[in-house]
Amino acid sequence: MPWIREIHLEEATGLLKRQLHAAIKRAGRIWNIIQVMSINEMVLKDSIKFYQTIMAGESPLTRSQREMLAVVVSVENNCYY
């Protein structure tokens, strides 16, 4: 199993701390995909913005259709969604 250094909420400062608190506010917890990006706060910030654009930005697909596509891709990749 690979190991990636992570920065947890207790040791986070500045932008990263704000992003981790925002993650808790959005989802009630810090999911692993967020935690694993904690070592690079700008990657985390841009990744969240990209995800928000894909899932909630203007699109010919409805939010439900986008969620369904995300579930299908996760199943195909043997990932929990």
Protein backbone atom coordinates (compact mmCIF):
# COMPACT_ATOMS: atom_id res chain seq x y z
CA MET A 1 0.00 0.00 0.00
CA PRO A 2 1.47 3.39 -0.97
CA TRP A 3 1.98 6.01 1.67
CA ILE A 4 1.47 9.70 1.05
CA ARG A 5 2.27 12.29 3.70
CA GLU A 6 -0.81 14.22 4.76
CA ILE A 7 -1.39 17.35 6.80
CA HIS A 8 -4.28 16.90 9.20
CA LEU A 9 -6.62 19.62 10.40
CA GLU A 10 -4.88 19.89 13.77
CA GLU A 11 -1.59 20.89 12.12
CA ALA A 12 -3.00 22.87 9.16
CA THR A 13 -2.60 26.63 8.93
CA GLY A 14 -3.69 29.42 6.59
CA LEU A 15 -5.29 28.48 3.28
CA LEU A 16 -5.13 24.74 3.95
CA LYS A 17 -6.88 25.10 7.31
CA ARG A 18 -9.63 27.16 5.68
CA GLN A 19 -10.03 24.57 2.90
CA LEU A 20 -10.26 21.68 5.37
CA HIS A 21 -12.87 23.53 7.44
CA ALA A 22 -14.80 24.26 4.22
CA ALA A 23 -14.66 20.54 3.36
CA ILE A 24 -16.20 19.71 6.73
CA LYS A 25 -18.89 22.33 6.18
CA ARG A 26 -19.70 20.91 2.70
CA ALA A 27 -19.60 17.20 3.50
CA GLY A 28 -19.61 16.85 7.28
CA ARG A 29 -16.09 15.38 7.20
CA ILE A 30 -12.80 15.44 5.32
CA TRP A 31 -12.93 12.72 2.67
CA ASN A 32 -9.75 10.82 1.76
CA ILE A 33 -9.50 12.49 -1.67
CA ILE A 34 -9.30 15.87 0.07
CA GLN A 35 -6.92 14.66 2.78
CA VAL A 36 -4.45 13.18 0.30
CA MET A 37 -4.14 16.55 -1.46
CA SER A 38 -3.43 18.36 1.82
CA ILE A 39 0.31 18.40 1.17
CA ASN A 40 -0.24 20.90 -1.67
CA GLU A 41 -2.87 23.48 -0.74
CA MET A 42 -2.95 25.06 -4.21
CA VAL A 43 -3.61 21.70 -5.87
CA LEU A 44 -6.39 21.13 -3.35
CA LYS A 45 -7.87 24.58 -3.95
CA ASP A 46 -7.79 24.19 -7.75
CA SER A 47 -9.10 20.61 -7.60
CA ILE A 48 -12.11 21.67 -5.52
CA LYS A 49 -12.83 24.57 -7.88
CA PHE A 50 -12.56 22.22 -10.90
CA TYR A 51 -14.92 19.70 -9.28
CA GLN A 52 -17.43 22.44 -8.42
CA THR A 53 -17.34 23.69 -12.01
CA ILE A 54 -17.86 20.20 -13.42
CA MET A 55 -20.67 19.27 -11.05
CA ALA A 56 -22.46 22.61 -10.55
CA GLY A 57 -21.34 24.90 -13.37
CA GLU A 58 -23.23 25.58 -16.58
CA SER A 59 -23.70 22.40 -18.59
CA PRO A 60 -26.10 20.78 -21.04
CA LEU A 61 -26.30 17.94 -18.48
CA THR A 62 -28.45 18.19 -15.38
CA ARG A 63 -26.87 17.82 -11.95
CA SER A 64 -28.54 14.40 -11.67
CA GLN A 65 -27.02 13.27 -14.97
CA ARG A 66 -23.58 14.41 -13.85
CA GLU A 67 -23.96 12.56 -10.55
CA MET A 68 -25.05 9.41 -12.40
CA LEU A 69 -21.99 9.62 -14.65
CA ALA A 70 -19.75 10.03 -11.60
CA VAL A 71 -21.27 6.89 -10.05
CA VAL A 72 -20.78 4.86 -13.25
CA VAL A 73 -17.14 5.95 -13.54
CA SER A 74 -16.54 5.10 -9.88
CA VAL A 75 -18.06 1.64 -10.31
CA GLU A 76 -15.97 1.01 -13.42
CA ASN A 77 -12.85 2.04 -11.47
CA ASN A 78 -13.83 -0.12 -8.49
CA CYS A 79 -14.00 2.99 -6.29
CA TYR A 80 -16.49 3.82 -3.60
CA TYR A 81 -18.51 6.88 -4.53
